[in-house]
């Protein structure tokens, strides 16, 4: 399984526009329909409304690579290019097993 974790920090108020939220919504809705997509979630940080967190799980690297070629990804990239981003970090992990959460 492939796990992707992305943190994007925008200039204050940059993602508040309706067009940006529409692009985010479309990206999530369309990506969840893609073959190989296990999970795909966006969230705004509860303590920092300029921070967007993206969490993804994919069956394979091939499925993730195909995701980058979709029309909704192209539109998402276009919209992101129109707003001020302060920083962006993306990490990709490959894992072959899930561990049980220890008892607390």
PDB file of N, CA and C in Angstrom:
ATOM      1  N   UNK A   1       0.851  -1.179   0.000  1.00  0.00           N
ATOM      2  CA  UNK A   1       0.000   0.000   0.000  1.00  0.00           C
ATOM      3  C   UNK A   1       0.895   1.240   0.000  1.00  0.00           C
ATOM      4  N   UNK A   2       0.440   2.262  -0.695  1.00  0.00           N
ATOM      5  CA  UNK A   2       1.119   3.544  -0.772  1.00  0.00           C
ATOM      6  C   UNK A   2       0.335   4.556   0.069  1.00  0.00           C
ATOM      7  N   UNK A   3       1.037   5.281   0.927  1.00  0.00           N
ATOM      8  CA  UNK A   3       0.424   6.332   1.746  1.00  0.00           C
ATOM      9  C   UNK A   3       1.072   7.655   1.362  1.00  0.00           C
ATOM     10  N   UNK A   4       0.240   8.666   1.156  1.00  0.00           N
ATOM     11  CA  UNK A   4       0.712  10.005   0.812  1.00  0.00           C
ATOM     12  C   UNK A   4       0.193  10.969   1.877  1.00  0.00           C
ATOM     13  N   UNK A   5       1.093  11.792   2.397  1.00  0.00           N
ATOM     14  CA  UNK A   5       0.727  12.817   3.376  1.00  0.00           C
ATOM     15  C   UNK A   5       1.240  14.159   2.865  1.00  0.00           C
ATOM     16  N   UNK A   6       0.325  15.111   2.707  1.00  0.00           N
ATOM     17  CA  UNK A   6       0.666  16.419   2.152  1.00  0.00           C
ATOM     18  C   UNK A   6       0.216  17.513   3.123  1.00  0.00           C
ATOM     19  N   UNK A   7       1.081  18.493   3.342  1.00  0.00           N
ATOM     20  CA  UNK A   7       0.741  19.687   4.107  1.00  0.00           C
ATOM     21  C   UNK A   7       0.968  20.880   3.197  1.00  0.00           C
ATOM     22  N   UNK A   8      -0.076  21.683   3.017  1.00  0.00           N
ATOM     23  CA  UNK A   8       0.034  22.905   2.228  1.00  0.00           C
ATOM     24  C   UNK A   8      -0.378  24.071   3.125  1.00  0.00           C
ATOM     25  N   UNK A   9       0.491  25.076   3.185  1.00  0.00           N
ATOM     26  CA  UNK A   9       0.200  26.284   3.951  1.00  0.00           C
ATOM     27  C   UNK A   9      -0.014  27.434   2.974  1.00  0.00           C
ATOM     28  N   UNK A  10      -1.183  28.040   3.055  1.00  0.00           N
ATOM     29  CA  UNK A  10      -1.568  29.127   2.171  1.00  0.00           C
ATOM     30  C   UNK A  10      -1.420  30.461   2.877  1.00  0.00           C
ATOM     31  N   UNK A  11      -1.327  31.520   2.093  1.00  0.00           N
ATOM     32  CA  UNK A  11      -1.412  32.861   2.665  1.00  0.00           C
ATOM     33  C   UNK A  11      -2.783  32.990   3.330  1.00  0.00           C
ATOM     34  N   UNK A  12      -2.857  33.777   4.374  1.00  0.00           N
ATOM     35  CA  UNK A  12      -4.110  33.937   5.121  1.00  0.00           C
ATOM     36  C   UNK A  12      -5.258  34.303   4.191  1.00  0.00           C
ATOM     37  N   UNK A  13      -6.336  33.524   4.247  1.00  0.00           N
ATOM     38  CA  UNK A  13      -7.534  33.784   3.458  1.00  0.00           C
ATOM     39  C   UNK A  13      -7.485  33.285   2.018  1.00  0.00           C
ATOM     40  N   UNK A  14      -6.353  32.756   1.584  1.00  0.00           N
ATOM     41  CA  UNK A  14      -6.195  32.369   0.173  1.00  0.00           C
ATOM     42  C   UNK A  14      -7.107  31.225  -0.254  1.00  0.00           C
ATOM     43  N   UNK A  15      -7.479  30.353   0.678  1.00  0.00           N
ATOM     44  CA  UNK A  15      -8.335  29.229   0.280  1.00  0.00           C
ATOM     45  C   UNK A  15      -9.789  29.427   0.688  1.00  0.00           C
ATOM     46  N   UNK A  16     -10.135  30.636   1.088  1.00  0.00           N
ATOM     47  CA  UNK A  16     -11.503  30.902   1.525  1.00  0.00           C
ATOM     48  C   UNK A  16     -12.486  31.097   0.377  1.00  0.00           C
ATOM     49  N   UNK A  17     -12.004  31.307  -0.822  1.00  0.00           N
ATOM     50  CA  UNK A  17     -12.885  31.582  -1.947  1.00  0.00           C
ATOM     51  C   UNK A  17     -13.705  30.380  -2.360  1.00  0.00           C
ATOM     52  N   UNK A  18     -14.895  30.637  -2.873  1.00  0.00           N
ATOM     53  CA  UNK A  18     -15.798  29.576  -3.291  1.00  0.00           C
ATOM     54  C   UNK A  18     -15.176  28.722  -4.399  1.00  0.00           C
ATOM     55  N   UNK A  19     -14.472  29.331  -5.311  1.00  0.00           N
ATOM     56  CA  UNK A  19     -13.847  28.582  -6.396  1.00  0.00           C
ATOM     57  C   UNK A  19     -12.819  27.591  -5.893  1.00  0.00           C
ATOM     58  N   UNK A  20     -12.077  27.969  -4.858  1.00  0.00           N
ATOM     59  CA  UNK A  20     -11.079  27.070  -4.291  1.00  0.00           C
ATOM     60  C   UNK A  20     -11.772  25.903  -3.597  1.00  0.00           C
ATOM     61  N   UNK A  21     -12.798  26.195  -2.813  1.00  0.00           N
ATOM     62  CA  UNK A  21     -13.517  25.123  -2.124  1.00  0.00           C
ATOM     63  C   UNK A  21     -14.193  24.184  -3.123  1.00  0.00           C
ATOM     64  N   UNK A  22     -14.722  24.722  -4.210  1.00  0.00           N
ATOM     65  CA  UNK A  22     -15.316  23.879  -5.254  1.00  0.00           C
ATOM     66  C   UNK A  22     -14.268  22.951  -5.852  1.00  0.00           C
ATOM     67  N   UNK A  23     -13.072  23.469  -6.109  1.00  0.00           N
ATOM     68  CA  UNK A  23     -11.995  22.648  -6.674  1.00  0.00           C
ATOM     69  C   UNK A  23     -11.565  21.563  -5.687  1.00  0.00           C
ATOM     70  N   UNK A  24     -11.500  21.897  -4.410  1.00  0.00           N
ATOM     71  CA  UNK A  24     -11.152  20.904  -3.389  1.00  0.00           C
ATOM     72  C   UNK A  24     -12.202  19.807  -3.326  1.00  0.00           C
ATOM     73  N   UNK A  25     -13.462  20.205  -3.311  1.00  0.00           N
ATOM     74  CA  UNK A  25     -14.563  19.247  -3.248  1.00  0.00           C
ATOM     75  C   UNK A  25     -14.544  18.321  -4.461  1.00  0.00           C
ATOM     76  N   UNK A  26     -14.388  18.898  -5.647  1.00  0.00           N
ATOM     77  CA  UNK A  26     -14.352  18.097  -6.870  1.00  0.00           C
ATOM     78  C   UNK A  26     -13.177  17.129  -6.844  1.00  0.00           C
ATOM     79  N   UNK A  27     -12.028  17.596  -6.388  1.00  0.00           N
ATOM     80  CA  UNK A  27     -10.849  16.746  -6.329  1.00  0.00           C
ATOM     81  C   UNK A  27     -11.103  15.521  -5.455  1.00  0.00           C
ATOM     82  N   UNK A  28     -11.682  15.719  -4.291  1.00  0.00           N
ATOM     83  CA  UNK A  28     -11.961  14.603  -3.386  1.00  0.00           C
ATOM     84  C   UNK A  28     -12.994  13.671  -4.001  1.00  0.00           C
ATOM     85  N   UNK A  29     -14.085  14.227  -4.486  1.00  0.00           N
ATOM     86  CA  UNK A  29     -15.155  13.389  -5.052  1.00  0.00           C
ATOM     87  C   UNK A  29     -14.660  12.540  -6.219  1.00  0.00           C
ATOM     88  N   UNK A  30     -13.932  13.147  -7.138  1.00  0.00           N
ATOM     89  CA  UNK A  30     -13.474  12.422  -8.329  1.00  0.00           C
ATOM     90  C   UNK A  30     -12.353  11.437  -8.005  1.00  0.00           C
ATOM     91  N   UNK A  31     -11.462  11.810  -7.110  1.00  0.00           N
ATOM     92  CA  UNK A  31     -10.350  10.923  -6.764  1.00  0.00           C
ATOM     93  C   UNK A  31     -10.855   9.670  -6.079  1.00  0.00           C
ATOM     94  N   UNK A  32     -11.845   9.800  -5.214  1.00  0.00           N
ATOM     95  CA  UNK A  32     -12.381   8.625  -4.516  1.00  0.00           C
ATOM     96  C   UNK A  32     -12.989   7.602  -5.473  1.00  0.00           C
ATOM     97  N   UNK A  33     -13.314   8.010  -6.691  1.00  0.00           N
ATOM     98  CA  UNK A  33     -13.861   7.096  -7.704  1.00  0.00           C
ATOM     99  C   UNK A  33     -12.779   6.355  -8.477  1.00  0.00           C
ATOM    100  N   UNK A  34     -11.529   6.779  -8.340  1.00  0.00           N
ATOM    101  CA  UNK A  34     -10.440   6.215  -9.140  1.00  0.00           C
ATOM    102  C   UNK A  34     -10.106   4.781  -8.723  1.00  0.00           C
ATOM    103  N   UNK A  35      -9.785   3.939  -9.719  1.00  0.00           N
ATOM    104  CA  UNK A  35      -9.313   2.590  -9.393  1.00  0.00           C
ATOM    105  C   UNK A  35      -8.036   2.678  -8.560  1.00  0.00           C
ATOM    106  N   UNK A  36      -7.962   1.881  -7.522  1.00  0.00           N
ATOM    107  CA  UNK A  36      -6.765   1.847  -6.684  1.00  0.00           C
ATOM    108  C   UNK A  36      -6.767   2.819  -5.527  1.00  0.00           C
ATOM    109  N   UNK A  37      -7.753   3.712  -5.474  1.00  0.00           N
ATOM    110  CA  UNK A  37      -7.843   4.663  -4.361  1.00  0.00           C
ATOM    111  C   UNK A  37      -8.535   3.972  -3.185  1.00  0.00           C
ATOM    112  N   UNK A  38      -7.847   3.900  -2.066  1.00  0.00           N
ATOM    113  CA  UNK A  38      -8.416   3.305  -0.855  1.00  0.00           C
ATOM    114  C   UNK A  38      -9.028   4.395   0.024  1.00  0.00           C
ATOM    115  N   UNK A  39      -8.263   5.462   0.269  1.00  0.00           N
ATOM    116  CA  UNK A  39      -8.730   6.607   1.064  1.00  0.00           C
ATOM    117  C   UNK A  39      -8.178   7.877   0.449  1.00  0.00           C
ATOM    118  N   UNK A  40      -8.971   8.939   0.524  1.00  0.00           N
ATOM    119  CA  UNK A  40      -8.529  10.240   0.027  1.00  0.00           C
ATOM    120  C   UNK A  40      -9.275  11.301   0.810  1.00  0.00           C
ATOM    121  N   UNK A  41      -8.561  12.019   1.672  1.00  0.00           N
ATOM    122  CA  UNK A  41      -9.194  12.989   2.562  1.00  0.00           C
ATOM    123  C   UNK A  41      -8.438  14.308   2.582  1.00  0.00           C
ATOM    124  N   UNK A  42      -9.191  15.398   2.576  1.00  0.00           N
ATOM    125  CA  UNK A  42      -8.659  16.742   2.775  1.00  0.00           C
ATOM    126  C   UNK A  42      -9.216  17.251   4.094  1.00  0.00           C
ATOM    127  N   UNK A  43      -8.412  18.011   4.824  1.00  0.00           N
ATOM    128  CA  UNK A  43      -8.925  18.676   6.020  1.00  0.00           C
ATOM    129  C   UNK A  43      -8.195  19.990   6.217  1.00  0.00           C
ATOM    130  N   UNK A  44      -8.924  20.950   6.772  1.00  0.00           N
ATOM    131  CA  UNK A  44      -8.348  22.226   7.160  1.00  0.00           C
ATOM    132  C   UNK A  44      -7.985  22.095   8.640  1.00  0.00           C
ATOM    133  N   UNK A  45      -6.785  22.493   9.003  1.00  0.00           N
ATOM    134  CA  UNK A  45      -6.324  22.403  10.382  1.00  0.00           C
ATOM    135  C   UNK A  45      -7.238  23.234  11.283  1.00  0.00           C
ATOM    136  N   UNK A  46      -7.729  22.637  12.340  1.00  0.00           N
ATOM    137  CA  UNK A  46      -8.670  23.298  13.251  1.00  0.00           C
ATOM    138  C   UNK A  46      -8.034  24.510  13.952  1.00  0.00           C
ATOM    139  N   UNK A  47      -6.701  24.517  14.096  1.00  0.00           N
ATOM    140  CA  UNK A  47      -6.021  25.618  14.757  1.00  0.00           C
ATOM    141  C   UNK A  47      -5.354  26.589  13.798  1.00  0.00           C
ATOM    142  N   UNK A  48      -5.327  26.243  12.514  1.00  0.00           N
ATOM    143  CA  UNK A  48      -4.679  27.098  11.515  1.00  0.00           C
ATOM    144  C   UNK A  48      -5.427  26.957  10.190  1.00  0.00           C
ATOM    145  N   UNK A  49      -6.367  27.860   9.945  1.00  0.00           N
ATOM    146  CA  UNK A  49      -7.236  27.736   8.761  1.00  0.00           C
ATOM    147  C   UNK A  49      -6.494  27.944   7.442  1.00  0.00           C
ATOM    148  N   UNK A  50      -5.209  28.265   7.514  1.00  0.00           N
ATOM    149  CA  UNK A  50      -4.424  28.397   6.280  1.00  0.00           C
ATOM    150  C   UNK A  50      -3.711  27.092   5.919  1.00  0.00           C
ATOM    151  N   UNK A  51      -3.881  26.053   6.752  1.00  0.00           N
ATOM    152  CA  UNK A  51      -3.200  24.768   6.534  1.00  0.00           C
ATOM    153  C   UNK A  51      -4.175  23.718   6.013  1.00  0.00           C
ATOM    154  N   UNK A  52      -3.848  23.165   4.864  1.00  0.00           N
ATOM    155  CA  UNK A  52      -4.618  22.077   4.266  1.00  0.00           C
ATOM    156  C   UNK A  52      -3.816  20.800   4.410  1.00  0.00           C
ATOM    157  N   UNK A  53      -4.441  19.768   4.945  1.00  0.00           N
ATOM    158  CA  UNK A  53      -3.813  18.459   5.093  1.00  0.00           C
ATOM    159  C   UNK A  53      -4.484  17.496   4.109  1.00  0.00           C
ATOM    160  N   UNK A  54      -3.666  16.745   3.395  1.00  0.00           N
ATOM    161  CA  UNK A  54      -4.181  15.741   2.461  1.00  0.00           C
ATOM    162  C   UNK A  54      -3.620  14.397   2.889  1.00  0.00           C
ATOM    163  N   UNK A  55      -4.505  13.412   3.032  1.00  0.00           N
ATOM    164  CA  UNK A  55      -4.097  12.054   3.396  1.00  0.00           C
ATOM    165  C   UNK A  55      -4.659  11.100   2.351  1.00  0.00           C
ATOM    166  N   UNK A  56      -3.776  10.264   1.813  1.00  0.00           N
ATOM    167  CA  UNK A  56      -4.174   9.345   0.745  1.00  0.00           C
ATOM    168  C   UNK A  56      -3.652   7.944   1.010  1.00  0.00           C
ATOM    169  N   UNK A  57      -4.441   6.948   0.611  1.00  0.00           N
ATOM    170  CA  UNK A  57      -3.989   5.560   0.590  1.00  0.00           C
ATOM    171  C   UNK A  57      -4.310   5.000  -0.792  1.00  0.00           C
ATOM    172  N   UNK A  58      -3.315   4.347  -1.399  1.00  0.00           N
ATOM    173  CA  UNK A  58      -3.436   3.781  -2.740  1.00  0.00           C
ATOM    174  C   UNK A  58      -3.011   2.325  -2.729  1.00  0.00           C
ATOM    175  N   UNK A  59      -3.635   1.531  -3.592  1.00  0.00           N
ATOM    176  CA  UNK A  59      -3.279   0.118  -3.694  1.00  0.00           C
ATOM    177  C   UNK A  59      -1.869  -0.078  -4.235  1.00  0.00           C
ATOM    178  N   UNK A  60      -1.417   0.837  -5.095  1.00  0.00           N
ATOM    179  CA  UNK A  60      -0.108   0.668  -5.730  1.00  0.00           C
ATOM    180  C   UNK A  60       0.441   2.016  -6.188  1.00  0.00           C
ATOM    181  N   UNK A  61       1.731   2.037  -6.479  1.00  0.00           N
ATOM    182  CA  UNK A  61       2.362   3.237  -7.025  1.00  0.00           C
ATOM    183  C   UNK A  61       1.790   3.529  -8.413  1.00  0.00           C
ATOM    184  N   UNK A  62       1.476   2.491  -9.166  1.00  0.00           N
ATOM    185  CA  UNK A  62       0.890   2.683 -10.495  1.00  0.00           C
ATOM    186  C   UNK A  62      -0.447   3.429 -10.397  1.00  0.00           C
ATOM    187  N   UNK A  63      -1.277   3.073  -9.426  1.00  0.00           N
ATOM    188  CA  UNK A  63      -2.560   3.768  -9.249  1.00  0.00           C
ATOM    189  C   UNK A  63      -2.324   5.238  -8.905  1.00  0.00           C
ATOM    190  N   UNK A  64      -1.330   5.506  -8.064  1.00  0.00           N
ATOM    191  CA  UNK A  64      -1.008   6.890  -7.708  1.00  0.00           C
ATOM    192  C   UNK A  64      -0.502   7.658  -8.927  1.00  0.00           C
ATOM    193  N   UNK A  65       0.346   7.041  -9.709  1.00  0.00           N
ATOM    194  CA  UNK A  65       0.869   7.699 -10.909  1.00  0.00           C
ATOM    195  C   UNK A  65      -0.249   8.023 -11.900  1.00  0.00           C
ATOM    196  N   UNK A  66      -1.221   7.123 -12.053  1.00  0.00           N
ATOM    197  CA  UNK A  66      -2.366   7.396 -12.934  1.00  0.00           C
ATOM    198  C   UNK A  66      -3.207   8.549 -12.393  1.00  0.00           C
ATOM    199  N   UNK A  67      -3.293   8.650 -11.083  1.00  0.00           N
ATOM    200  CA  UNK A  67      -4.025   9.743 -10.434  1.00  0.00           C
ATOM    201  C   UNK A  67      -3.472  11.102 -10.867  1.00  0.00           C
ATOM    202  N   UNK A  68      -2.152  11.197 -10.994  1.00  0.00           N
ATOM    203  CA  UNK A  68      -1.527  12.458 -11.374  1.00  0.00           C
ATOM    204  C   UNK A  68      -1.832  12.862 -12.818  1.00  0.00           C
ATOM    205  N   UNK A  69      -2.393  11.950 -13.604  1.00  0.00           N
ATOM    206  CA  UNK A  69      -2.689  12.223 -15.011  1.00  0.00           C
ATOM    207  C   UNK A  69      -4.159  12.527 -15.278  1.00  0.00           C
ATOM    208  N   UNK A  70      -4.967  12.632 -14.234  1.00  0.00           N
ATOM    209  CA  UNK A  70      -6.405  12.828 -14.408  1.00  0.00           C
ATOM    210  C   UNK A  70      -6.753  14.296 -14.665  1.00  0.00           C
ATOM    211  N   UNK A  71      -7.880  14.536 -15.334  1.00  0.00           N
ATOM    212  CA  UNK A  71      -8.322  15.920 -15.567  1.00  0.00           C
ATOM    213  C   UNK A  71      -8.583  16.688 -14.263  1.00  0.00           C
ATOM    214  N   UNK A  72      -9.131  16.012 -13.247  1.00  0.00           N
ATOM    215  CA  UNK A  72      -9.397  16.734 -11.989  1.00  0.00           C
ATOM    216  C   UNK A  72      -8.093  17.116 -11.282  1.00  0.00           C
ATOM    217  N   UNK A  73      -7.025  16.337 -11.462  1.00  0.00           N
ATOM    218  CA  UNK A  73      -5.732  16.738 -10.904  1.00  0.00           C
ATOM    219  C   UNK A  73      -5.199  17.962 -11.638  1.00  0.00           C
ATOM    220  N   UNK A  74      -5.350  17.981 -12.954  1.00  0.00           N
ATOM    221  CA  UNK A  74      -4.896  19.148 -13.733  1.00  0.00           C
ATOM    222  C   UNK A  74      -5.645  20.398 -13.294  1.00  0.00           C
ATOM    223  N   UNK A  75      -6.949  20.296 -13.091  1.00  0.00           N
ATOM    224  CA  UNK A  75      -7.740  21.444 -12.642  1.00  0.00           C
ATOM    225  C   UNK A  75      -7.327  21.866 -11.231  1.00  0.00           C
ATOM    226  N   UNK A  76      -7.116  20.902 -10.363  1.00  0.00           N
ATOM    227  CA  UNK A  76      -6.685  21.188  -8.990  1.00  0.00           C
ATOM    228  C   UNK A  76      -5.355  21.941  -8.996  1.00  0.00           C
ATOM    229  N   UNK A  77      -4.403  21.479  -9.804  1.00  0.00           N
ATOM    230  CA  UNK A  77      -3.106  22.144  -9.900  1.00  0.00           C
ATOM    231  C   UNK A  77      -3.258  23.570 -10.440  1.00  0.00           C
ATOM    232  N   UNK A  78      -4.163  23.747 -11.391  1.00  0.00           N
ATOM    233  CA  UNK A  78      -4.420  25.080 -11.958  1.00  0.00           C
ATOM    234  C   UNK A  78      -4.931  26.023 -10.873  1.00  0.00           C
ATOM    235  N   UNK A  79      -5.914  25.557 -10.100  1.00  0.00           N
ATOM    236  CA  UNK A  79      -6.487  26.386  -9.035  1.00  0.00           C
ATOM    237  C   UNK A  79      -5.426  26.704  -7.984  1.00  0.00           C
ATOM    238  N   UNK A  80      -4.624  25.716  -7.599  1.00  0.00           N
ATOM    239  CA  UNK A  80      -3.567  25.973  -6.618  1.00  0.00           C
ATOM    240  C   UNK A  80      -2.560  26.981  -7.141  1.00  0.00           C
ATOM    241  N   UNK A  81      -2.334  26.976  -8.439  1.00  0.00           N
ATOM    242  CA  UNK A  81      -1.413  27.929  -9.039  1.00  0.00           C
ATOM    243  C   UNK A  81      -1.921  29.360  -9.011  1.00  0.00           C
ATOM    244  N   UNK A  82      -3.208  29.531  -8.759  1.00  0.00           N
ATOM    245  CA  UNK A  82      -3.817  30.860  -8.743  1.00  0.00           C
ATOM    246  C   UNK A  82      -3.917  31.469  -7.343  1.00  0.00           C
ATOM    247  N   UNK A  83      -3.540  30.702  -6.301  1.00  0.00           N
ATOM    248  CA  UNK A  83      -3.582  31.215  -4.934  1.00  0.00           C
ATOM    249  C   UNK A  83      -2.177  31.194  -4.348  1.00  0.00           C
ATOM    250  N   UNK A  84      -1.961  32.036  -3.365  1.00  0.00           N
ATOM    251  CA  UNK A  84      -0.622  32.145  -2.785  1.00  0.00           C
ATOM    252  C   UNK A  84      -0.375  31.014  -1.792  1.00  0.00           C
ATOM    253  N   UNK A  85       0.644  30.202  -2.084  1.00  0.00           N
ATOM    254  CA  UNK A  85       1.061  29.119  -1.204  1.00  0.00           C
ATOM    255  C   UNK A  85       2.348  29.536  -0.505  1.00  0.00           C
ATOM    256  N   UNK A  86       2.359  29.444   0.821  1.00  0.00           N
ATOM    257  CA  UNK A  86       3.553  29.780   1.586  1.00  0.00           C
ATOM    258  C   UNK A  86       4.538  28.611   1.591  1.00  0.00           C
ATOM    259  N   UNK A  87       4.026  27.393   1.741  1.00  0.00           N
ATOM    260  CA  UNK A  87       4.897  26.223   1.712  1.00  0.00           C
ATOM    261  C   UNK A  87       4.070  24.974   1.421  1.00  0.00           C
ATOM    262  N   UNK A  88       4.770  23.960   0.917  1.00  0.00           N
ATOM    263  CA  UNK A  88       4.106  22.692   0.599  1.00  0.00           C
ATOM    264  C   UNK A  88       5.100  21.576   0.848  1.00  0.00           C
ATOM    265  N   UNK A  89       4.628  20.510   1.492  1.00  0.00           N
ATOM    266  CA  UNK A  89       5.467  19.350   1.734  1.00  0.00           C
ATOM    267  C   UNK A  89       4.641  18.103   1.466  1.00  0.00           C
ATOM    268  N   UNK A  90       5.187  17.185   0.686  1.00  0.00           N
ATOM    269  CA  UNK A  90       4.511  15.921   0.393  1.00  0.00           C
ATOM    270  C   UNK A  90       5.464  14.776   0.683  1.00  0.00           C
ATOM    271  N   UNK A  91       4.948  13.768   1.344  1.00  0.00           N
ATOM    272  CA  UNK A  91       5.727  12.567   1.643  1.00  0.00           C
ATOM    273  C   UNK A  91       4.952  11.351   1.153  1.00  0.00           C
ATOM    274  N   UNK A  92       5.697  10.384   0.622  1.00  0.00           N
ATOM    275  CA  UNK A  92       5.106   9.145   0.128  1.00  0.00           C
ATOM    276  C   UNK A  92       5.772   7.986   0.858  1.00  0.00           C
ATOM    277  N   UNK A  93       4.936   7.058   1.347  1.00  0.00           N
ATOM    278  CA  UNK A  93       5.429   5.899   2.075  1.00  0.00           C
ATOM    279  C   UNK A  93       4.881   4.637   1.422  1.00  0.00           C
ATOM    280  N   UNK A  94       5.690   3.596   1.449  1.00  0.00           N
ATOM    281  CA  UNK A  94       5.222   2.287   0.990  1.00  0.00           C
ATOM    282  C   UNK A  94       5.230   1.369   2.199  1.00  0.00           C
ATOM    283  N   UNK A  95       4.125   0.677   2.409  1.00  0.00           N
ATOM    284  CA  UNK A  95       4.026  -0.218   3.553  1.00  0.00           C
ATOM    285  C   UNK A  95       3.399  -1.530   3.105  1.00  0.00           C
ATOM    286  N   UNK A  96       3.762  -2.576   3.771  1.00  0.00           N
ATOM    287  CA  UNK A  96       3.204  -3.871   3.408  1.00  0.00           C
ATOM    288  C   UNK A  96       2.375  -4.484   4.525  1.00  0.00           C
ATOM    289  N   UNK A  97       2.270  -3.780   5.671  1.00  0.00           N
ATOM    290  CA  UNK A  97       1.431  -4.332   6.740  1.00  0.00           C
ATOM    291  C   UNK A  97       0.904  -3.214   7.635  1.00  0.00           C
ATOM    292  N   UNK A  98      -0.187  -3.542   8.286  1.00  0.00           N
ATOM    293  CA  UNK A  98      -0.809  -2.645   9.254  1.00  0.00           C
ATOM    294  C   UNK A  98      -0.610  -3.249  10.629  1.00  0.00           C
ATOM    295  N   UNK A  99      -0.274  -2.433  11.589  1.00  0.00           N
ATOM    296  CA  UNK A  99      -0.059  -2.897  12.949  1.00  0.00           C
ATOM    297  C   UNK A  99      -1.250  -2.547  13.836  1.00  0.00           C
ATOM    298  N   UNK A 100      -1.486  -3.353  14.850  1.00  0.00           N
ATOM    299  CA  UNK A 100      -2.546  -3.070  15.803  1.00  0.00           C
ATOM    300  C   UNK A 100      -2.118  -1.905  16.680  1.00  0.00           C
ATOM    301  N   UNK A 101      -3.061  -1.040  17.011  1.00  0.00           N
ATOM    302  CA  UNK A 101      -2.796   0.077  17.905  1.00  0.00           C
ATOM    303  C   UNK A 101      -2.622  -0.459  19.316  1.00  0.00           C
ATOM    304  N   UNK A 102      -1.559  -0.073  20.009  1.00  0.00           N
ATOM    305  CA  UNK A 102      -1.370  -0.561  21.392  1.00  0.00           C
ATOM    306  C   UNK A 102      -2.484  -0.042  22.298  1.00  0.00           C
ATOM    307  N   UNK A 103      -2.792  -0.811  23.304  1.00  0.00           N
ATOM    308  CA  UNK A 103      -3.808  -0.389  24.277  1.00  0.00           C
ATOM    309  C   UNK A 103      -3.298   0.800  25.059  1.00  0.00           C
ATOM    310  N   UNK A 104      -4.192   1.736  25.319  1.00  0.00           N
ATOM    311  CA  UNK A 104      -3.817   2.919  26.098  1.00  0.00           C
ATOM    312  C   UNK A 104      -4.285   2.790  27.521  1.00  0.00           C
TER     313      UNK A 104
END
